[in-house]
Amino acid sequence: MKIAFNVAQLQAYFVCGSQDVPGQDLVAVVKAALAAGITAFQFRDKGANSQLTAAQRPVIARQLRELCHAAQVPFIVDDDVELAVAVAADGIHVGQSDEQIQQVIQQVQGQLFVGYSCSNLAEITAANRIGGIDYYGSGPIAITGSKADASPVIGLAGLQKLVTAATRPVVAIGGITEDQLAAIRQTGAAGSAVISMITQSQQLQRTVTAMRQA
């Protein structure tokens, strides 16, 4: 059974791959995050620091999908349509420099919901004209160490402009800390997508609860 998209899933959106948890077991990290109450999980395993081989990636992805489904949380794959389809993911998330968005929408043909990274007004305006996208990921809100090719920081004022221009729900991304959660919500964003705020949290339950309550 697929989990359909709904906007509440963007409240506490966890993005993670093996490169984000060096020395730890990715499956255990995701299990703990699900237990703490995350509302969506994106499997983003890429880059030189990934700990997984090409053969291991679909195996781990299937395990994570099972865990997510047991918790009734959508399992989203970053920028890999073939993997997403192979493991029966719920959603796919693509960036501006990843595969062409129209091509992705055509490939998934409504089997998966689609998230799209938009970090400025031109990108939002162009994306608003494309059918088949379910939500936008917009940022970075602050300087982020998790993404080598991150766009320029837009801050809360920039986020506010994008949320106002967007015809779809927006999840804030990039360098977010707990003390920004309430301000992010005040922009009208549907939630926050984070890596290190969860992987480095000393009090995981409190962190995820704060995301959901913001």
N, C-alpha and C. Protein backbone atom coordinates (compact mmCIF):
# COMPACT_ATOMS: atom_id res chain seq x y z
N MET A 1 0.84 -1.21 0.00
CA MET A 1 0.00 0.00 0.00
C MET A 1 0.88 1.26 0.00
N LYS A 2 0.54 2.19 -0.88
CA LYS A 2 1.25 3.46 -0.93
C LYS A 2 0.62 4.44 0.06
N ILE A 3 1.45 5.32 0.59
CA ILE A 3 0.94 6.40 1.45
C ILE A 3 0.81 7.64 0.57
N ALA A 4 -0.40 8.18 0.48
CA ALA A 4 -0.65 9.36 -0.35
C ALA A 4 -0.11 10.61 0.35
N PHE A 5 0.18 11.63 -0.43
CA PHE A 5 0.70 12.88 0.13
C PHE A 5 -0.38 13.66 0.85
N ASN A 6 -0.04 14.19 2.00
CA ASN A 6 -0.88 15.25 2.60
C ASN A 6 0.05 16.25 3.29
N VAL A 7 -0.42 17.47 3.40
CA VAL A 7 0.44 18.58 3.82
C VAL A 7 0.99 18.40 5.24
N ALA A 8 0.26 17.70 6.11
CA ALA A 8 0.72 17.50 7.49
C ALA A 8 2.04 16.71 7.55
N GLN A 9 2.33 15.96 6.49
CA GLN A 9 3.57 15.18 6.46
C GLN A 9 4.81 16.07 6.44
N LEU A 10 4.64 17.33 6.08
CA LEU A 10 5.79 18.23 5.97
C LEU A 10 6.20 18.84 7.32
N GLN A 11 5.46 18.57 8.38
CA GLN A 11 5.74 19.19 9.68
C GLN A 11 7.13 18.84 10.21
N ALA A 12 7.42 17.55 10.28
CA ALA A 12 8.71 17.09 10.86
C ALA A 12 9.32 16.12 9.86
N TYR A 13 9.98 16.68 8.86
CA TYR A 13 10.45 15.96 7.68
C TYR A 13 11.95 15.69 7.87
N PHE A 14 12.29 14.42 7.96
CA PHE A 14 13.69 14.01 8.21
C PHE A 14 14.32 13.54 6.91
N VAL A 15 15.48 14.12 6.59
CA VAL A 15 16.26 13.74 5.41
C VAL A 15 17.56 13.11 5.90
N CYS A 16 17.91 11.93 5.38
CA CYS A 16 19.13 11.30 5.89
C CYS A 16 19.63 10.21 4.95
N GLY A 17 20.95 10.04 4.95
CA GLY A 17 21.60 8.94 4.26
C GLY A 17 22.80 8.52 5.10
N SER A 18 23.48 7.48 4.65
CA SER A 18 24.60 6.95 5.46
C SER A 18 25.71 7.98 5.66
N GLN A 19 25.85 8.92 4.70
CA GLN A 19 26.90 9.94 4.83
C GLN A 19 26.63 10.91 5.98
N ASP A 20 25.40 10.96 6.45
CA ASP A 20 25.03 11.91 7.52
C ASP A 20 25.20 11.33 8.92
N VAL A 21 25.45 10.00 9.00
CA VAL A 21 25.55 9.36 10.32
C VAL A 21 26.82 8.50 10.39
N PRO A 22 28.00 9.10 10.16
CA PRO A 22 29.23 8.29 10.16
C PRO A 22 29.40 7.55 11.48
N GLY A 23 29.74 6.27 11.37
CA GLY A 23 29.96 5.47 12.58
C GLY A 23 28.68 4.98 13.23
N GLN A 24 27.53 5.33 12.66
CA GLN A 24 26.25 4.87 13.22
C GLN A 24 25.52 4.02 12.19
N ASP A 25 24.54 3.27 12.65
CA ASP A 25 23.73 2.45 11.77
C ASP A 25 22.54 3.28 11.30
N LEU A 26 22.47 3.53 9.99
CA LEU A 26 21.40 4.37 9.43
C LEU A 26 20.01 3.85 9.79
N VAL A 27 19.83 2.54 9.72
CA VAL A 27 18.52 1.95 10.01
C VAL A 27 18.10 2.25 11.46
N ALA A 28 19.07 2.12 12.37
CA ALA A 28 18.78 2.40 13.79
C ALA A 28 18.44 3.88 14.01
N VAL A 29 19.14 4.76 13.29
CA VAL A 29 18.89 6.21 13.41
C VAL A 29 17.47 6.53 12.94
N VAL A 30 17.08 5.95 11.81
CA VAL A 30 15.74 6.22 11.27
C VAL A 30 14.66 5.62 12.17
N LYS A 31 14.94 4.44 12.71
CA LYS A 31 13.99 3.78 13.63
C LYS A 31 13.73 4.69 14.85
N ALA A 32 14.80 5.26 15.39
CA ALA A 32 14.68 6.16 16.55
C ALA A 32 13.89 7.42 16.18
N ALA A 33 14.16 7.95 14.98
CA ALA A 33 13.46 9.16 14.54
C ALA A 33 11.97 8.89 14.33
N LEU A 34 11.64 7.72 13.80
CA LEU A 34 10.24 7.33 13.63
C LEU A 34 9.55 7.18 14.99
N ALA A 35 10.26 6.58 15.92
CA ALA A 35 9.70 6.42 17.27
C ALA A 35 9.45 7.77 17.93
N ALA A 36 10.30 8.75 17.59
CA ALA A 36 10.15 10.10 18.17
C ALA A 36 9.03 10.90 17.50
N GLY A 37 8.55 10.40 16.33
CA GLY A 37 7.37 11.02 15.73
C GLY A 37 7.58 11.82 14.45
N ILE A 38 8.67 11.58 13.69
CA ILE A 38 8.81 12.29 12.41
C ILE A 38 7.61 12.02 11.53
N THR A 39 7.29 12.97 10.63
CA THR A 39 6.09 12.85 9.81
C THR A 39 6.39 12.47 8.36
N ALA A 40 7.67 12.52 7.95
CA ALA A 40 8.09 12.07 6.62
C ALA A 40 9.57 11.74 6.69
N PHE A 41 10.00 10.80 5.84
CA PHE A 41 11.43 10.46 5.77
C PHE A 41 11.88 10.43 4.31
N GLN A 42 12.97 11.15 4.04
CA GLN A 42 13.57 11.13 2.71
C GLN A 42 14.94 10.45 2.78
N PHE A 43 15.08 9.41 1.96
CA PHE A 43 16.34 8.66 1.85
C PHE A 43 17.21 9.39 0.82
N ARG A 44 18.22 10.09 1.33
CA ARG A 44 19.12 10.85 0.46
C ARG A 44 20.53 10.34 0.70
N ASP A 45 20.91 9.30 -0.03
CA ASP A 45 22.21 8.67 0.17
C ASP A 45 23.07 8.95 -1.06
N LYS A 46 24.02 9.87 -0.90
CA LYS A 46 24.81 10.25 -2.07
C LYS A 46 26.12 10.90 -1.64
N GLY A 47 27.01 11.06 -2.60
CA GLY A 47 28.26 11.76 -2.34
C GLY A 47 29.39 10.83 -1.94
N ALA A 48 30.57 11.41 -1.87
CA ALA A 48 31.79 10.63 -1.61
C ALA A 48 31.79 9.96 -0.24
N ASN A 49 31.01 10.52 0.70
CA ASN A 49 31.02 9.97 2.06
C ASN A 49 29.93 8.92 2.33
N SER A 50 29.18 8.57 1.29
CA SER A 50 28.17 7.52 1.47
C SER A 50 28.87 6.23 1.90
N GLN A 51 28.26 5.53 2.84
CA GLN A 51 28.82 4.28 3.35
C GLN A 51 28.25 3.06 2.63
N LEU A 52 27.33 3.29 1.69
CA LEU A 52 26.64 2.18 1.04
C LEU A 52 27.13 1.95 -0.38
N THR A 53 27.20 0.70 -0.78
CA THR A 53 27.53 0.37 -2.16
C THR A 53 26.23 0.43 -2.99
N ALA A 54 26.38 0.41 -4.31
CA ALA A 54 25.20 0.42 -5.19
C ALA A 54 24.30 -0.78 -4.92
N ALA A 55 24.90 -1.91 -4.54
CA ALA A 55 24.11 -3.12 -4.25
C ALA A 55 23.39 -3.01 -2.90
N GLN A 56 24.03 -2.33 -1.95
CA GLN A 56 23.42 -2.21 -0.60
C GLN A 56 22.27 -1.20 -0.57
N ARG A 57 22.37 -0.19 -1.43
CA ARG A 57 21.40 0.91 -1.36
C ARG A 57 19.94 0.47 -1.46
N PRO A 58 19.56 -0.35 -2.49
CA PRO A 58 18.15 -0.78 -2.54
C PRO A 58 17.74 -1.67 -1.38
N VAL A 59 18.69 -2.44 -0.85
CA VAL A 59 18.39 -3.33 0.29
C VAL A 59 18.03 -2.49 1.52
N ILE A 60 18.86 -1.49 1.79
CA ILE A 60 18.62 -0.58 2.93
C ILE A 60 17.34 0.23 2.69
N ALA A 61 17.17 0.68 1.44
CA ALA A 61 15.97 1.47 1.12
C ALA A 61 14.70 0.69 1.41
N ARG A 62 14.69 -0.60 1.04
CA ARG A 62 13.50 -1.43 1.31
C ARG A 62 13.26 -1.58 2.81
N GLN A 63 14.35 -1.78 3.56
CA GLN A 63 14.23 -1.90 5.03
C GLN A 63 13.62 -0.63 5.62
N LEU A 64 14.13 0.51 5.15
CA LEU A 64 13.65 1.80 5.66
C LEU A 64 12.19 2.05 5.27
N ARG A 65 11.84 1.63 4.04
CA ARG A 65 10.45 1.78 3.61
C ARG A 65 9.52 0.97 4.51
N GLU A 66 9.92 -0.26 4.85
CA GLU A 66 9.10 -1.09 5.73
C GLU A 66 8.91 -0.43 7.09
N LEU A 67 9.99 0.11 7.64
CA LEU A 67 9.92 0.79 8.94
C LEU A 67 8.98 1.99 8.87
N CYS A 68 9.13 2.78 7.78
CA CYS A 68 8.29 3.97 7.61
C CYS A 68 6.82 3.57 7.52
N HIS A 69 6.55 2.52 6.74
CA HIS A 69 5.15 2.11 6.56
C HIS A 69 4.55 1.56 7.85
N ALA A 70 5.36 0.88 8.64
CA ALA A 70 4.86 0.38 9.93
C ALA A 70 4.45 1.56 10.82
N ALA A 71 5.13 2.71 10.64
CA ALA A 71 4.81 3.91 11.43
C ALA A 71 3.83 4.82 10.69
N GLN A 72 3.37 4.38 9.51
CA GLN A 72 2.46 5.17 8.65
C GLN A 72 3.05 6.53 8.27
N VAL A 73 4.33 6.49 7.95
CA VAL A 73 5.07 7.68 7.54
C VAL A 73 5.53 7.47 6.10
N PRO A 74 5.38 8.47 5.22
CA PRO A 74 5.78 8.28 3.82
C PRO A 74 7.30 8.13 3.66
N PHE A 75 7.69 7.24 2.76
CA PHE A 75 9.09 7.00 2.43
C PHE A 75 9.36 7.66 1.08
N ILE A 76 10.28 8.62 1.08
CA ILE A 76 10.58 9.43 -0.11
C ILE A 76 12.03 9.19 -0.51
N VAL A 77 12.28 9.06 -1.79
CA VAL A 77 13.66 8.87 -2.27
C VAL A 77 14.12 10.15 -2.94
N ASP A 78 15.36 10.54 -2.68
CA ASP A 78 15.93 11.73 -3.28
C ASP A 78 16.55 11.39 -4.64
N ASP A 79 16.09 12.08 -5.67
CA ASP A 79 16.78 12.13 -6.97
C ASP A 79 17.18 10.79 -7.57
N ASP A 80 16.36 9.76 -7.45
CA ASP A 80 16.69 8.48 -8.08
C ASP A 80 15.37 7.75 -8.37
N VAL A 81 14.81 8.06 -9.55
CA VAL A 81 13.49 7.52 -9.90
C VAL A 81 13.53 6.00 -9.97
N GLU A 82 14.60 5.46 -10.55
CA GLU A 82 14.70 4.00 -10.68
C GLU A 82 14.64 3.32 -9.32
N LEU A 83 15.42 3.86 -8.37
CA LEU A 83 15.42 3.29 -7.01
C LEU A 83 14.04 3.45 -6.37
N ALA A 84 13.46 4.63 -6.52
CA ALA A 84 12.15 4.90 -5.91
C ALA A 84 11.09 3.92 -6.41
N VAL A 85 11.09 3.68 -7.70
CA VAL A 85 10.11 2.75 -8.29
C VAL A 85 10.42 1.31 -7.85
N ALA A 86 11.71 0.95 -7.87
CA ALA A 86 12.12 -0.42 -7.53
C ALA A 86 11.73 -0.81 -6.11
N VAL A 87 11.82 0.15 -5.17
CA VAL A 87 11.54 -0.17 -3.77
C VAL A 87 10.12 0.22 -3.36
N ALA A 88 9.31 0.64 -4.35
CA ALA A 88 7.92 1.06 -4.10
C ALA A 88 7.84 2.18 -3.07
N ALA A 89 8.65 3.21 -3.29
CA ALA A 89 8.61 4.40 -2.42
C ALA A 89 7.26 5.10 -2.60
N ASP A 90 6.97 6.01 -1.68
CA ASP A 90 5.73 6.79 -1.76
C ASP A 90 5.95 8.07 -2.57
N GLY A 91 7.16 8.62 -2.44
CA GLY A 91 7.44 9.90 -3.09
C GLY A 91 8.85 9.96 -3.63
N ILE A 92 9.06 10.96 -4.49
CA ILE A 92 10.39 11.26 -5.03
C ILE A 92 10.63 12.76 -4.84
N HIS A 93 11.86 13.12 -4.47
CA HIS A 93 12.19 14.55 -4.35
C HIS A 93 13.32 14.87 -5.31
N VAL A 94 13.14 15.90 -6.11
CA VAL A 94 14.18 16.28 -7.07
C VAL A 94 14.59 17.73 -6.90
N GLY A 95 15.88 17.98 -7.16
CA GLY A 95 16.42 19.33 -7.09
C GLY A 95 16.46 19.95 -8.47
N GLN A 96 16.80 21.23 -8.51
CA GLN A 96 16.86 21.94 -9.79
C GLN A 96 17.94 21.35 -10.71
N SER A 97 19.03 20.87 -10.12
CA SER A 97 20.13 20.36 -10.95
C SER A 97 20.05 18.85 -11.16
N ASP A 98 19.02 18.23 -10.59
CA ASP A 98 18.84 16.79 -10.76
C ASP A 98 18.12 16.52 -12.09
N GLU A 99 17.51 15.37 -12.18
CA GLU A 99 16.78 15.03 -13.41
C GLU A 99 15.70 16.09 -13.71
N GLN A 100 15.43 16.30 -14.98
CA GLN A 100 14.41 17.26 -15.38
C GLN A 100 13.08 16.94 -14.71
N ILE A 101 12.46 17.97 -14.12
CA ILE A 101 11.24 17.74 -13.35
C ILE A 101 10.10 17.18 -14.21
N GLN A 102 9.93 17.71 -15.44
CA GLN A 102 8.84 17.18 -16.29
C GLN A 102 9.07 15.70 -16.61
N GLN A 103 10.33 15.36 -16.82
CA GLN A 103 10.69 13.97 -17.13
C GLN A 103 10.35 13.06 -15.95
N VAL A 104 10.67 13.53 -14.75
CA VAL A 104 10.38 12.76 -13.53
C VAL A 104 8.87 12.55 -13.38
N ILE A 105 8.10 13.62 -13.57
CA ILE A 105 6.64 13.54 -13.42
C ILE A 105 6.08 12.51 -14.41
N GLN A 106 6.61 12.54 -15.63
CA GLN A 106 6.18 11.59 -16.66
C GLN A 106 6.55 10.15 -16.28
N GLN A 107 7.78 10.00 -15.77
CA GLN A 107 8.26 8.65 -15.40
C GLN A 107 7.43 8.03 -14.28
N VAL A 108 7.08 8.84 -13.28
CA VAL A 108 6.37 8.26 -12.10
C VAL A 108 4.87 8.14 -12.34
N GLN A 109 4.34 8.90 -13.31
CA GLN A 109 2.93 8.78 -13.73
C GLN A 109 1.95 8.60 -12.59
N GLY A 110 2.07 9.44 -11.59
CA GLY A 110 1.12 9.38 -10.49
C GLY A 110 1.34 8.24 -9.51
N GLN A 111 2.36 7.38 -9.75
CA GLN A 111 2.65 6.30 -8.79
C GLN A 111 3.28 6.87 -7.51
N LEU A 112 4.01 7.96 -7.66
CA LEU A 112 4.72 8.58 -6.52
C LEU A 112 4.32 10.04 -6.44
N PHE A 113 4.26 10.58 -5.23
CA PHE A 113 4.10 12.03 -5.15
C PHE A 113 5.46 12.68 -5.37
N VAL A 114 5.45 13.96 -5.75
CA VAL A 114 6.68 14.62 -6.20
C VAL A 114 6.96 15.89 -5.40
N GLY A 115 8.17 15.96 -4.84
CA GLY A 115 8.65 17.17 -4.19
C GLY A 115 9.73 17.79 -5.06
N TYR A 116 9.84 19.12 -5.03
CA TYR A 116 10.76 19.83 -5.93
C TYR A 116 11.43 20.96 -5.17
N SER A 117 12.76 21.03 -5.27
CA SER A 117 13.51 22.10 -4.59
C SER A 117 13.43 23.40 -5.39
N CYS A 118 12.98 24.46 -4.75
CA CYS A 118 12.91 25.79 -5.36
C CYS A 118 13.46 26.80 -4.38
N SER A 119 14.53 27.52 -4.78
CA SER A 119 15.18 28.40 -3.80
C SER A 119 15.10 29.88 -4.13
N ASN A 120 14.38 30.21 -5.22
CA ASN A 120 14.18 31.64 -5.52
C ASN A 120 12.85 31.83 -6.25
N LEU A 121 12.46 33.09 -6.43
CA LEU A 121 11.15 33.39 -7.01
C LEU A 121 11.01 32.88 -8.44
N ALA A 122 12.09 32.96 -9.21
CA ALA A 122 12.03 32.50 -10.60
C ALA A 122 11.72 31.00 -10.65
N GLU A 123 12.36 30.24 -9.75
CA GLU A 123 12.14 28.79 -9.71
C GLU A 123 10.71 28.45 -9.27
N ILE A 124 10.21 29.18 -8.27
CA ILE A 124 8.83 28.97 -7.79
C ILE A 124 7.83 29.29 -8.90
N THR A 125 8.04 30.43 -9.56
CA THR A 125 7.12 30.87 -10.61
C THR A 125 7.06 29.85 -11.74
N ALA A 126 8.23 29.35 -12.14
CA ALA A 126 8.28 28.34 -13.20
C ALA A 126 7.61 27.04 -12.75
N ALA A 127 7.87 26.64 -11.49
CA ALA A 127 7.30 25.39 -10.97
C ALA A 127 5.79 25.47 -10.82
N ASN A 128 5.27 26.66 -10.49
CA ASN A 128 3.82 26.84 -10.35
C ASN A 128 3.07 26.48 -11.64
N ARG A 129 3.76 26.60 -12.78
CA ARG A 129 3.12 26.34 -14.08
C ARG A 129 3.15 24.85 -14.46
N ILE A 130 3.86 24.05 -13.69
CA ILE A 130 4.03 22.63 -14.02
C ILE A 130 3.05 21.78 -13.21
N GLY A 131 2.27 20.97 -13.89
CA GLY A 131 1.33 20.09 -13.18
C GLY A 131 2.07 18.88 -12.62
N GLY A 132 1.56 18.32 -11.53
CA GLY A 132 2.11 17.06 -11.03
C GLY A 132 3.13 17.18 -9.90
N ILE A 133 3.36 18.40 -9.42
CA ILE A 133 4.26 18.59 -8.26
C ILE A 133 3.37 18.72 -7.02
N ASP A 134 3.78 18.10 -5.91
CA ASP A 134 2.94 18.14 -4.70
C ASP A 134 3.40 19.16 -3.66
N TYR A 135 4.70 19.38 -3.56
CA TYR A 135 5.21 20.36 -2.59
C TYR A 135 6.56 20.87 -3.05
N TYR A 136 6.97 22.00 -2.47
CA TYR A 136 8.29 22.57 -2.75
C TYR A 136 9.16 22.50 -1.48
N GLY A 137 10.43 22.25 -1.68
CA GLY A 137 11.41 22.38 -0.60
C GLY A 137 12.18 23.67 -0.85
N SER A 138 12.12 24.62 0.09
CA SER A 138 12.73 25.93 -0.15
C SER A 138 13.72 26.31 0.93
N GLY A 139 14.88 26.80 0.51
CA GLY A 139 15.94 27.21 1.42
C GLY A 139 17.21 27.45 0.63
N PRO A 140 18.38 27.38 1.25
CA PRO A 140 18.56 27.14 2.69
C PRO A 140 18.20 28.36 3.55
N ILE A 141 17.63 28.05 4.72
CA ILE A 141 17.23 29.09 5.67
C ILE A 141 18.47 29.68 6.34
N ALA A 142 19.47 28.84 6.58
CA ALA A 142 20.72 29.28 7.19
C ALA A 142 21.86 28.49 6.55
N ILE A 143 23.08 28.80 6.91
CA ILE A 143 24.23 28.08 6.35
C ILE A 143 24.14 26.62 6.76
N THR A 144 24.31 25.74 5.79
CA THR A 144 24.21 24.30 6.07
C THR A 144 25.51 23.59 5.71
N GLY A 145 25.90 22.65 6.56
CA GLY A 145 27.10 21.86 6.30
C GLY A 145 26.77 20.52 5.63
N SER A 146 25.47 20.25 5.45
CA SER A 146 25.05 18.93 4.97
C SER A 146 25.05 18.82 3.45
N LYS A 147 25.15 19.95 2.77
CA LYS A 147 25.02 19.93 1.31
C LYS A 147 26.11 20.81 0.70
N ALA A 148 27.02 20.18 0.00
CA ALA A 148 28.15 20.91 -0.59
C ALA A 148 27.71 21.90 -1.66
N ASP A 149 26.63 21.55 -2.38
CA ASP A 149 26.19 22.40 -3.50
C ASP A 149 24.95 23.22 -3.16
N ALA A 150 24.81 23.60 -1.89
CA ALA A 150 23.62 24.34 -1.45
C ALA A 150 23.52 25.69 -2.15
N SER A 151 22.29 26.14 -2.37
CA SER A 151 22.04 27.47 -2.96
C SER A 151 22.37 28.54 -1.93
N PRO A 152 22.43 29.83 -2.35
CA PRO A 152 22.67 30.90 -1.38
C PRO A 152 21.57 30.94 -0.30
N VAL A 153 21.95 31.31 0.90
CA VAL A 153 21.00 31.38 2.03
C VAL A 153 19.91 32.40 1.73
N ILE A 154 18.66 32.01 1.96
CA ILE A 154 17.54 32.93 1.70
C ILE A 154 16.99 33.56 2.98
N GLY A 155 17.25 32.92 4.14
CA GLY A 155 16.75 33.46 5.40
C GLY A 155 15.23 33.40 5.50
N LEU A 156 14.71 33.89 6.62
CA LEU A 156 13.26 33.84 6.86
C LEU A 156 12.50 34.78 5.95
N ALA A 157 13.11 35.94 5.65
CA ALA A 157 12.44 36.91 4.76
C ALA A 157 12.30 36.33 3.36
N GLY A 158 13.34 35.65 2.91
CA GLY A 158 13.31 35.01 1.59
C GLY A 158 12.28 33.89 1.56
N LEU A 159 12.22 33.13 2.64
CA LEU A 159 11.26 32.03 2.74
C LEU A 159 9.83 32.57 2.66
N GLN A 160 9.59 33.66 3.38
CA GLN A 160 8.26 34.29 3.39
C GLN A 160 7.81 34.64 1.97
N LYS A 161 8.75 35.21 1.19
CA LYS A 161 8.43 35.60 -0.20
C LYS A 161 8.07 34.38 -1.04
N LEU A 162 8.82 33.30 -0.86
CA LEU A 162 8.58 32.09 -1.66
C LEU A 162 7.25 31.44 -1.28
N VAL A 163 6.96 31.41 0.02
CA VAL A 163 5.68 30.82 0.49
C VAL A 163 4.51 31.61 -0.10
N THR A 164 4.64 32.94 -0.11
CA THR A 164 3.58 33.80 -0.64
C THR A 164 3.36 33.56 -2.13
N ALA A 165 4.46 33.34 -2.86
CA ALA A 165 4.37 33.15 -4.32
C ALA A 165 3.95 31.74 -4.71
N ALA A 166 4.18 30.78 -3.82
CA ALA A 166 3.95 29.37 -4.16
C ALA A 166 2.47 29.02 -4.20
N THR A 167 2.10 28.18 -5.16
CA THR A 167 0.72 27.69 -5.24
C THR A 167 0.59 26.31 -4.60
N ARG A 168 1.69 25.84 -4.00
CA ARG A 168 1.70 24.54 -3.32
C ARG A 168 2.34 24.68 -1.95
N PRO A 169 2.17 23.69 -1.07
CA PRO A 169 2.80 23.77 0.25
C PRO A 169 4.32 23.83 0.14
N VAL A 170 4.93 24.56 1.06
CA VAL A 170 6.39 24.71 1.09
C VAL A 170 6.94 24.14 2.39
N VAL A 171 7.98 23.32 2.29
CA VAL A 171 8.70 22.87 3.47
C VAL A 171 10.05 23.59 3.47
N ALA A 172 10.39 24.20 4.61
CA ALA A 172 11.65 24.93 4.72
C ALA A 172 12.81 23.94 4.86
N ILE A 173 13.95 24.24 4.24
CA ILE A 173 15.11 23.35 4.32
C ILE A 173 16.39 24.14 4.54
N GLY A 174 17.40 23.47 5.08
CA GLY A 174 18.74 24.02 5.08
C GLY A 174 19.17 24.76 6.34
N GLY A 175 19.98 24.10 7.15
CA GLY A 175 20.62 24.77 8.30
C GLY A 175 19.67 25.18 9.41
N ILE A 176 18.51 24.53 9.48
CA ILE A 176 17.48 24.94 10.46
C ILE A 176 17.85 24.47 11.87
N THR A 177 17.63 25.35 12.83
CA THR A 177 17.85 25.01 14.25
C THR A 177 16.51 25.09 14.98
N GLU A 178 16.46 24.48 16.15
CA GLU A 178 15.20 24.43 16.90
C GLU A 178 14.63 25.81 17.21
N ASP A 179 15.52 26.78 17.49
CA ASP A 179 15.01 28.11 17.86
C ASP A 179 14.40 28.88 16.68
N GLN A 180 14.53 28.34 15.46
CA GLN A 180 13.92 29.00 14.29
C GLN A 180 12.55 28.41 13.94
N LEU A 181 12.18 27.32 14.57
CA LEU A 181 10.97 26.58 14.14
C LEU A 181 9.70 27.43 14.16
N ALA A 182 9.50 28.18 15.23
CA ALA A 182 8.27 28.98 15.34
C ALA A 182 8.24 30.06 14.27
N ALA A 183 9.38 30.71 14.04
CA ALA A 183 9.46 31.78 13.04
C ALA A 183 9.23 31.23 11.63
N ILE A 184 9.72 30.01 11.39
CA ILE A 184 9.50 29.37 10.08
C ILE A 184 8.01 29.13 9.88
N ARG A 185 7.36 28.67 10.91
CA ARG A 185 5.92 28.40 10.82
C ARG A 185 5.15 29.70 10.55
N GLN A 186 5.63 30.80 11.12
CA GLN A 186 4.94 32.09 10.95
C GLN A 186 5.00 32.59 9.51
N THR A 187 5.94 32.08 8.72
CA THR A 187 6.02 32.48 7.31
C THR A 187 4.91 31.82 6.49
N GLY A 188 4.25 30.84 7.08
CA GLY A 188 3.23 30.09 6.35
C GLY A 188 3.76 28.78 5.77
N ALA A 189 5.06 28.50 6.01
CA ALA A 189 5.62 27.22 5.57
C ALA A 189 4.91 26.09 6.31
N ALA A 190 4.79 24.94 5.63
CA ALA A 190 4.04 23.81 6.21
C ALA A 190 4.86 23.03 7.24
N GLY A 191 6.18 23.27 7.27
CA GLY A 191 7.03 22.55 8.21
C GLY A 191 8.49 22.73 7.85
N SER A 192 9.34 21.92 8.47
CA SER A 192 10.78 22.01 8.26
C SER A 192 11.34 20.64 7.90
N ALA A 193 12.29 20.64 6.95
CA ALA A 193 13.01 19.42 6.58
C ALA A 193 14.44 19.56 7.07
N VAL A 194 14.89 18.59 7.85
CA VAL A 194 16.19 18.73 8.52
C VAL A 194 17.01 17.45 8.45
N ILE A 195 18.31 17.63 8.54
CA ILE A 195 19.23 16.49 8.66
C ILE A 195 19.86 16.54 10.04
N SER A 196 20.80 17.48 10.21
CA SER A 196 21.61 17.47 11.44
C SER A 196 20.81 17.81 12.71
N MET A 197 19.71 18.56 12.57
CA MET A 197 18.92 18.88 13.77
C MET A 197 18.43 17.59 14.43
N ILE A 198 18.19 16.56 13.63
CA ILE A 198 17.76 15.28 14.18
C ILE A 198 18.96 14.36 14.45
N THR A 199 19.90 14.26 13.49
CA THR A 199 21.02 13.32 13.68
C THR A 199 21.91 13.73 14.85
N GLN A 200 21.96 15.03 15.15
CA GLN A 200 22.83 15.50 16.24
C GLN A 200 22.07 15.86 17.51
N SER A 201 20.78 15.57 17.52
CA SER A 201 19.98 15.92 18.70
C SER A 201 20.37 15.05 19.91
N GLN A 202 20.49 15.70 21.05
CA GLN A 202 20.74 14.99 22.31
C GLN A 202 19.42 14.53 22.94
N GLN A 203 18.33 15.18 22.52
CA GLN A 203 17.00 14.83 23.05
C GLN A 203 16.04 14.71 21.87
N LEU A 204 16.10 13.60 21.20
CA LEU A 204 15.40 13.38 19.95
C LEU A 204 13.89 13.61 20.07
N GLN A 205 13.31 13.06 21.11
CA GLN A 205 11.86 13.20 21.30
C GLN A 205 11.47 14.67 21.40
N ARG A 206 12.24 15.43 22.17
CA ARG A 206 11.95 16.86 22.35
C ARG A 206 12.08 17.60 21.01
N THR A 207 13.13 17.29 20.26
CA THR A 207 13.38 17.94 18.97
C THR A 207 12.23 17.70 18.01
N VAL A 208 11.82 16.44 17.86
CA VAL A 208 10.76 16.11 16.91
C VAL A 208 9.41 16.69 17.38
N THR A 209 9.17 16.64 18.66
CA THR A 209 7.94 17.22 19.21
C THR A 209 7.90 18.72 18.93
N ALA A 210 9.03 19.38 19.07
CA ALA A 210 9.11 20.82 18.79
C ALA A 210 8.80 21.11 17.32
N MET A 211 9.27 20.23 16.44
CA MET A 211 8.98 20.40 15.01
C MET A 211 7.49 20.25 14.73
N ARG A 212 6.87 19.27 15.38
CA ARG A 212 5.46 19.01 15.14
C ARG A 212 4.57 20.09 15.75
N GLN A 213 5.02 20.67 16.85
CA GLN A 213 4.20 21.66 17.54
C GLN A 213 4.36 23.07 16.98
N ALA A 214 5.46 23.29 16.25
CA ALA A 214 5.72 24.65 15.72
C ALA A 214 4.60 25.11 14.81
